C-alpha atoms as a PDB file:
ATOM      1  CA  UNK A   1      38.007  12.090 -11.831  1.00  0.00           C
ATOM      2  CA  UNK A   2      38.439  10.568  -8.415  1.00  0.00           C
ATOM      3  CA  UNK A   3      39.757  11.416  -4.968  1.00  0.00           C
ATOM      4  CA  UNK A   4      41.395   9.410  -2.221  1.00  0.00           C
ATOM      5  CA  UNK A   5      41.120   9.845   1.541  1.00  0.00           C
ATOM      6  CA  UNK A   6      44.172   8.112   2.990  1.00  0.00           C
ATOM      7  CA  UNK A   7      44.106   4.679   1.389  1.00  0.00           C
ATOM      8  CA  UNK A   8      40.335   4.691   0.755  1.00  0.00           C
ATOM      9  CA  UNK A   9      39.190   5.593  -2.754  1.00  0.00           C
ATOM     10  CA  UNK A  10      36.101   7.804  -2.890  1.00  0.00           C
ATOM     11  CA  UNK A  11      34.651   8.892  -6.235  1.00  0.00           C
ATOM     12  CA  UNK A  12      33.951  12.644  -6.402  1.00  0.00           C
ATOM     13  CA  UNK A  13      30.243  11.883  -6.623  1.00  0.00           C
ATOM     14  CA  UNK A  14      30.398   9.328  -3.777  1.00  0.00           C
ATOM     15  CA  UNK A  15      30.235  10.076  -0.070  1.00  0.00           C
ATOM     16  CA  UNK A  16      32.020   8.364   2.796  1.00  0.00           C
ATOM     17  CA  UNK A  17      31.295   9.910   6.208  1.00  0.00           C
ATOM     18  CA  UNK A  18      32.720   7.022   8.229  1.00  0.00           C
ATOM     19  CA  UNK A  19      36.222   7.074   9.668  1.00  0.00           C
ATOM     20  CA  UNK A  20      36.155   3.290  10.080  1.00  0.00           C
ATOM     21  CA  UNK A  21      36.814   2.119   6.519  1.00  0.00           C
ATOM     22  CA  UNK A  22      39.675  -0.215   5.682  1.00  0.00           C
ATOM     23  CA  UNK A  23      42.556   0.257   3.288  1.00  0.00           C
ATOM     24  CA  UNK A  24      41.896  -0.508  -0.362  1.00  0.00           C
ATOM     25  CA  UNK A  25      38.138  -0.012  -0.172  1.00  0.00           C
ATOM     26  CA  UNK A  26      36.527   1.864  -3.059  1.00  0.00           C
ATOM     27  CA  UNK A  27      33.360   3.957  -2.782  1.00  0.00           C
ATOM     28  CA  UNK A  28      31.916   4.753  -6.199  1.00  0.00           C
ATOM     29  CA  UNK A  29      29.579   7.439  -7.568  1.00  0.00           C
ATOM     30  CA  UNK A  30      26.420   8.168  -5.576  1.00  0.00           C
ATOM     31  CA  UNK A  31      27.258   5.509  -2.973  1.00  0.00           C
ATOM     32  CA  UNK A  32      26.936   6.689   0.640  1.00  0.00           C
ATOM     33  CA  UNK A  33      28.673   5.224   3.694  1.00  0.00           C
ATOM     34  CA  UNK A  34      27.293   6.925   6.816  1.00  0.00           C
ATOM     35  CA  UNK A  35      29.236   7.937   9.887  1.00  0.00           C
ATOM     36  CA  UNK A  36      29.135   5.027  12.320  1.00  0.00           C
ATOM     37  CA  UNK A  37      29.209   2.343   9.654  1.00  0.00           C
ATOM     38  CA  UNK A  38      32.157  -0.051   9.757  1.00  0.00           C
ATOM     39  CA  UNK A  39      33.620  -1.271   6.463  1.00  0.00           C
ATOM     40  CA  UNK A  40      36.649  -3.534   6.138  1.00  0.00           C
ATOM     41  CA  UNK A  41      39.559  -3.601   3.726  1.00  0.00           C
ATOM     42  CA  UNK A  42      39.428  -4.088  -0.045  1.00  0.00           C
ATOM     43  CA  UNK A  43      35.663  -3.715  -0.399  1.00  0.00           C
ATOM     44  CA  UNK A  44      33.964  -2.483  -3.549  1.00  0.00           C
ATOM     45  CA  UNK A  45      30.971  -0.215  -2.802  1.00  0.00           C
ATOM     46  CA  UNK A  46      29.326   0.346  -6.177  1.00  0.00           C
ATOM     47  CA  UNK A  47      27.154   3.169  -7.545  1.00  0.00           C
ATOM     48  CA  UNK A  48      24.113   4.052  -5.482  1.00  0.00           C
ATOM     49  CA  UNK A  49      24.803   1.659  -2.602  1.00  0.00           C
ATOM     50  CA  UNK A  50      23.887   2.752   0.933  1.00  0.00           C
ATOM     51  CA  UNK A  51      25.514   1.585   4.186  1.00  0.00           C
ATOM     52  CA  UNK A  52      23.857   2.950   7.313  1.00  0.00           C
ATOM     53  CA  UNK A  53      25.312   3.799  10.717  1.00  0.00           C
ATOM     54  CA  UNK A  54      25.543   0.647  12.808  1.00  0.00           C
ATOM     55  CA  UNK A  55      26.027  -1.664   9.831  1.00  0.00           C
ATOM     56  CA  UNK A  56      29.176  -3.800   9.710  1.00  0.00           C
ATOM     57  CA  UNK A  57      30.823  -4.925   6.460  1.00  0.00           C
ATOM     58  CA  UNK A  58      33.837  -7.241   6.542  1.00  0.00           C
ATOM     59  CA  UNK A  59      36.912  -7.458   4.325  1.00  0.00           C
ATOM     60  CA  UNK A  60      36.785  -8.095   0.593  1.00  0.00           C
ATOM     61  CA  UNK A  61      33.026  -7.624   0.266  1.00  0.00           C
ATOM     62  CA  UNK A  62      31.422  -6.728  -3.067  1.00  0.00           C
ATOM     63  CA  UNK A  63      28.437  -4.400  -2.654  1.00  0.00           C
ATOM     64  CA  UNK A  64      26.886  -3.918  -6.078  1.00  0.00           C
ATOM     65  CA  UNK A  65      24.729  -1.027  -7.286  1.00  0.00           C
ATOM     66  CA  UNK A  66      21.678   0.044  -5.240  1.00  0.00           C
ATOM     67  CA  UNK A  67      22.322  -2.350  -2.330  1.00  0.00           C
ATOM     68  CA  UNK A  68      20.803  -1.177   0.985  1.00  0.00           C
ATOM     69  CA  UNK A  69      22.609  -2.264   4.186  1.00  0.00           C
ATOM     70  CA  UNK A  70      20.911  -0.910   7.307  1.00  0.00           C
ATOM     71  CA  UNK A  71      21.744  -0.703  11.007  1.00  0.00           C
ATOM     72  CA  UNK A  72      21.949  -4.103  12.673  1.00  0.00           C
ATOM     73  CA  UNK A  73      23.178  -5.926   9.567  1.00  0.00           C
ATOM     74  CA  UNK A  74      26.564  -7.672   9.680  1.00  0.00           C
ATOM     75  CA  UNK A  75      28.218  -8.810   6.454  1.00  0.00           C
ATOM     76  CA  UNK A  76      31.200 -11.096   7.003  1.00  0.00           C
ATOM     77  CA  UNK A  77      34.318 -11.347   4.809  1.00  0.00           C
ATOM     78  CA  UNK A  78      34.212 -11.908   1.038  1.00  0.00           C
ATOM     79  CA  UNK A  79      30.434 -11.859   0.675  1.00  0.00           C
ATOM     80  CA  UNK A  80      28.918 -10.942  -2.703  1.00  0.00           C
ATOM     81  CA  UNK A  81      25.829  -8.713  -2.600  1.00  0.00           C
ATOM     82  CA  UNK A  82      24.276  -8.490  -6.069  1.00  0.00           C
ATOM     83  CA  UNK A  83      22.581  -5.397  -7.515  1.00  0.00           C
ATOM     84  CA  UNK A  84      19.562  -4.187  -5.586  1.00  0.00           C
ATOM     85  CA  UNK A  85      19.902  -6.487  -2.567  1.00  0.00           C
ATOM     86  CA  UNK A  86      17.858  -5.081   0.321  1.00  0.00           C
ATOM     87  CA  UNK A  87      18.118  -5.811   4.039  1.00  0.00           C
ATOM     88  CA  UNK A  88      15.472  -4.924   6.615  1.00  0.00           C
ATOM     89  CA  UNK A  89      15.927  -4.380  10.356  1.00  0.00           C
ATOM     90  CA  UNK A  90      12.424  -3.906  11.807  1.00  0.00           C
ATOM     91  CA  UNK A  91       9.573  -6.427  11.653  1.00  0.00           C
ATOM     92  CA  UNK A  92       6.940  -3.870  12.700  1.00  0.00           C
ATOM     93  CA  UNK A  93       8.008  -0.465  11.339  1.00  0.00           C
ATOM     94  CA  UNK A  94       6.005   2.685  11.903  1.00  0.00           C
ATOM     95  CA  UNK A  95       7.109   6.085  10.624  1.00  0.00           C
ATOM     96  CA  UNK A  96       6.230   7.694  13.978  1.00  0.00           C
ATOM     97  CA  UNK A  97       8.137   5.132  16.132  1.00  0.00           C
ATOM     98  CA  UNK A  98      11.923   5.460  15.948  1.00  0.00           C
ATOM     99  CA  UNK A  99      14.010   2.407  16.797  1.00  0.00           C
ATOM    100  CA  UNK A 100      17.748   1.955  17.170  1.00  0.00           C
ATOM    101  CA  UNK A 101      20.272  -0.521  18.555  1.00  0.00           C
ATOM    102  CA  UNK A 102      18.738  -3.408  20.491  1.00  0.00           C
ATOM    103  CA  UNK A 103      15.256  -2.418  19.339  1.00  0.00           C
ATOM    104  CA  UNK A 104      16.165  -3.698  15.870  1.00  0.00           C
ATOM    105  CA  UNK A 105      16.462  -7.343  14.814  1.00  0.00           C
ATOM    106  CA  UNK A 106      20.027  -8.234  13.768  1.00  0.00           C
ATOM    107  CA  UNK A 107      20.864 -10.007  10.534  1.00  0.00           C
ATOM    108  CA  UNK A 108      24.124 -11.740   9.656  1.00  0.00           C
ATOM    109  CA  UNK A 109      25.516 -12.945   6.321  1.00  0.00           C
ATOM    110  CA  UNK A 110      28.396 -15.316   6.922  1.00  0.00           C
ATOM    111  CA  UNK A 111      31.614 -15.391   4.965  1.00  0.00           C
ATOM    112  CA  UNK A 112      31.720 -16.007   1.232  1.00  0.00           C
ATOM    113  CA  UNK A 113      27.964 -16.257   0.804  1.00  0.00           C
ATOM    114  CA  UNK A 114      26.322 -14.906  -2.369  1.00  0.00           C
ATOM    115  CA  UNK A 115      23.076 -12.942  -2.560  1.00  0.00           C
ATOM    116  CA  UNK A 116      21.723 -12.597  -6.084  1.00  0.00           C
ATOM    117  CA  UNK A 117      20.307  -9.457  -7.681  1.00  0.00           C
ATOM    118  CA  UNK A 118      17.115  -8.101  -6.166  1.00  0.00           C
ATOM    119  CA  UNK A 119      17.007 -10.495  -3.233  1.00  0.00           C
ATOM    120  CA  UNK A 120      15.417  -9.307   0.017  1.00  0.00           C
ATOM    121  CA  UNK A 121      16.578 -10.427   3.464  1.00  0.00           C
ATOM    122  CA  UNK A 122      14.006 -10.138   6.233  1.00  0.00           C
ATOM    123  CA  UNK A 123      15.612  -9.163   9.541  1.00  0.00           C
ATOM    124  CA  UNK A 124      16.444 -11.624  12.294  1.00  0.00           C
ATOM    125  CA  UNK A 125      17.938 -14.185   9.923  1.00  0.00           C
ATOM    126  CA  UNK A 126      21.388 -15.668   9.431  1.00  0.00           C
ATOM    127  CA  UNK A 127      22.663 -16.747   6.017  1.00  0.00           C
ATOM    128  CA  UNK A 128      25.324 -19.432   6.313  1.00  0.00           C
ATOM    129  CA  UNK A 129      28.792 -19.388   4.827  1.00  0.00           C
ATOM    130  CA  UNK A 130      29.017 -20.193   1.111  1.00  0.00           C
ATOM    131  CA  UNK A 131      25.202 -20.147   0.828  1.00  0.00           C
ATOM    132  CA  UNK A 132      23.791 -19.007  -2.515  1.00  0.00           C
ATOM    133  CA  UNK A 133      20.573 -16.965  -2.616  1.00  0.00           C
ATOM    134  CA  UNK A 134      19.137 -16.741  -6.127  1.00  0.00           C
ATOM    135  CA  UNK A 135      18.048 -13.509  -7.792  1.00  0.00           C
ATOM    136  CA  UNK A 136      14.755 -12.153  -6.489  1.00  0.00           C
ATOM    137  CA  UNK A 137      14.490 -14.532  -3.540  1.00  0.00           C
ATOM    138  CA  UNK A 138      12.951 -13.354  -0.264  1.00  0.00           C
ATOM    139  CA  UNK A 139      14.800 -14.789   2.722  1.00  0.00           C
ATOM    140  CA  UNK A 140      12.445 -15.151   5.697  1.00  0.00           C
ATOM    141  CA  UNK A 141      14.343 -17.687   7.816  1.00  0.00           C
ATOM    142  CA  UNK A 142      17.877 -18.895   8.470  1.00  0.00           C
ATOM    143  CA  UNK A 143      19.772 -20.351   5.506  1.00  0.00           C
ATOM    144  CA  UNK A 144      22.180 -23.252   6.164  1.00  0.00           C
ATOM    145  CA  UNK A 145      25.796 -23.089   5.032  1.00  0.00           C
ATOM    146  CA  UNK A 146      26.169 -23.995   1.333  1.00  0.00           C
ATOM    147  CA  UNK A 147      22.380 -24.053   0.815  1.00  0.00           C
ATOM    148  CA  UNK A 148      20.969 -22.946  -2.559  1.00  0.00           C
ATOM    149  CA  UNK A 149      17.844 -20.819  -2.025  1.00  0.00           C
ATOM    150  CA  UNK A 150      15.264 -19.484  -4.506  1.00  0.00           C
ATOM    151  CA  UNK A 151      11.711 -18.124  -4.503  1.00  0.00           C
ATOM    152  CA  UNK A 152       9.315 -16.098  -2.364  1.00  0.00           C
ATOM    153  CA  UNK A 153       9.406 -17.093   0.391  1.00  0.00           C
ATOM    154  CA  UNK A 154      12.902 -18.455  -0.079  1.00  0.00           C
ATOM    155  CA  UNK A 155      13.213 -22.232   0.002  1.00  0.00           C
ATOM    156  CA  UNK A 156      16.221 -24.496  -0.109  1.00  0.00           C
ATOM    157  CA  UNK A 157      16.355 -26.517  -3.328  1.00  0.00           C
ATOM    158  CA  UNK A 158      19.891 -27.882  -3.144  1.00  0.00           C
ATOM    159  CA  UNK A 159      23.503 -27.175  -2.327  1.00  0.00           C
ATOM    160  CA  UNK A 160      26.156 -24.770  -3.635  1.00  0.00           C
ATOM    161  CA  UNK A 161      29.837 -25.574  -3.998  1.00  0.00           C
ATOM    162  CA  UNK A 162      32.584 -23.266  -2.730  1.00  0.00           C
ATOM    163  CA  UNK A 163      33.046 -22.169  -6.358  1.00  0.00           C
ATOM    164  CA  UNK A 164      29.432 -20.956  -6.590  1.00  0.00           C
ATOM    165  CA  UNK A 165      27.990 -23.653  -8.856  1.00  0.00           C
ATOM    166  CA  UNK A 166      24.839 -25.495  -7.821  1.00  0.00           C
ATOM    167  CA  UNK A 167      25.742 -29.082  -7.013  1.00  0.00           C
ATOM    168  CA  UNK A 168      24.160 -31.977  -8.917  1.00  0.00           C
ATOM    169  CA  UNK A 169      22.575 -34.935  -7.128  1.00  0.00           C
ATOM    170  CA  UNK A 170      25.946 -36.693  -7.111  1.00  0.00           C
ATOM    171  CA  UNK A 171      27.413 -33.800  -5.069  1.00  0.00           C
ATOM    172  CA  UNK A 172      30.435 -33.834  -7.391  1.00  0.00           C
ATOM    173  CA  UNK A 173      31.037 -30.339  -8.737  1.00  0.00           C
ATOM    174  CA  UNK A 174      32.366 -29.445 -12.175  1.00  0.00           C
ATOM    175  CA  UNK A 175      35.292 -27.781 -10.388  1.00  0.00           C
ATOM    176  CA  UNK A 176      36.356 -31.173  -8.997  1.00  0.00           C
ATOM    177  CA  UNK A 177      35.200 -30.781  -5.396  1.00  0.00           C
ATOM    178  CA  UNK A 178      33.363 -33.809  -3.978  1.00  0.00           C
ATOM    179  CA  UNK A 179      30.883 -33.366  -1.132  1.00  0.00           C
ATOM    180  CA  UNK A 180      28.902 -35.513   1.293  1.00  0.00           C
ATOM    181  CA  UNK A 181      25.436 -34.687   2.626  1.00  0.00           C
ATOM    182  CA  UNK A 182      25.293 -35.362   6.373  1.00  0.00           C
ATOM    183  CA  UNK A 183      21.934 -36.186   8.019  1.00  0.00           C
ATOM    184  CA  UNK A 184      19.617 -35.854   5.033  1.00  0.00           C
ATOM    185  CA  UNK A 185      18.540 -32.830   2.995  1.00  0.00           C
ATOM    186  CA  UNK A 186      19.376 -29.182   3.711  1.00  0.00           C
ATOM    187  CA  UNK A 187      15.812 -28.384   4.838  1.00  0.00           C
ATOM    188  CA  UNK A 188      16.216 -30.878   7.683  1.00  0.00           C
ATOM    189  CA  UNK A 189      19.189 -29.143   9.235  1.00  0.00           C
ATOM    190  CA  UNK A 190      21.791 -31.156   7.351  1.00  0.00           C
ATOM    191  CA  UNK A 191      25.229 -29.909   6.528  1.00  0.00           C
ATOM    192  CA  UNK A 192      27.585 -30.389   3.609  1.00  0.00           C
ATOM    193  CA  UNK A 193      31.060 -31.825   4.157  1.00  0.00           C
ATOM    194  CA  UNK A 194      33.929 -31.630   1.679  1.00  0.00           C
ATOM    195  CA  UNK A 195      35.315 -35.115   1.135  1.00  0.00           C
ATOM    196  CA  UNK A 196      37.633 -34.394  -1.780  1.00  0.00           C
ATOM    197  CA  UNK A 197      39.111 -31.147  -3.046  1.00  0.00           C
ATOM    198  CA  UNK A 198      39.765 -30.441  -6.711  1.00  0.00           C
ATOM    199  CA  UNK A 199      42.988 -32.122  -7.791  1.00  0.00           C
ATOM    200  CA  UNK A 200      42.948 -34.729  -5.008  1.00  0.00           C
ATOM    201  CA  UNK A 201      42.807 -38.426  -5.867  1.00  0.00           C
ATOM    202  CA  UNK A 202      39.751 -40.267  -4.573  1.00  0.00           C
ATOM    203  CA  UNK A 203      41.137 -42.883  -2.133  1.00  0.00           C
ATOM    204  CA  UNK A 204      38.258 -45.229  -2.962  1.00  0.00           C
ATOM    205  CA  UNK A 205      39.289 -45.280  -6.621  1.00  0.00           C
ATOM    206  CA  UNK A 206      43.016 -45.716  -6.019  1.00  0.00           C
ATOM    207  CA  UNK A 207      44.598 -48.912  -7.286  1.00  0.00           C
END
């Protein structure tokens, strides 16, 4: 069985206390969206996920089972959060010292990034758009756009295409996208530039 509040689907065993949830969003069993959380349209909040007051989730976000999104965390549009992803918001927590708002370190995940199952994001970091964080990684510093990150602590080992595949050394993806690496490797502050979309003819190979 299921129930709907306006245009927001809430499973009978789920709980959505927030009045700021967009149309088409689904909150499944044992998930909890607290009052004061902001969730966009067409999100999927899976079983056991938790979104705290003061957290912001954009449109079209997938929040898989057991994900923990706390105050001060901003998730931009169309991000994928794999099962068991955990965010933090305090570098020096004590049970007897309560912190809120500006006392917490903000974290941002930019649009269309992917965080793999069981990854941990230490507060005060920004994960760039289309970045790909592998399962179990611990993110302790900013991640460039399109960077592919693994390990504890997380380290950049390559680039990810828009489609989600890790790019080979040639920077030509199986999907047909062709990329250029500007200013060296991703660890050195480089960025990835799309030079040819799938289906486009390479001007250098034209006859």
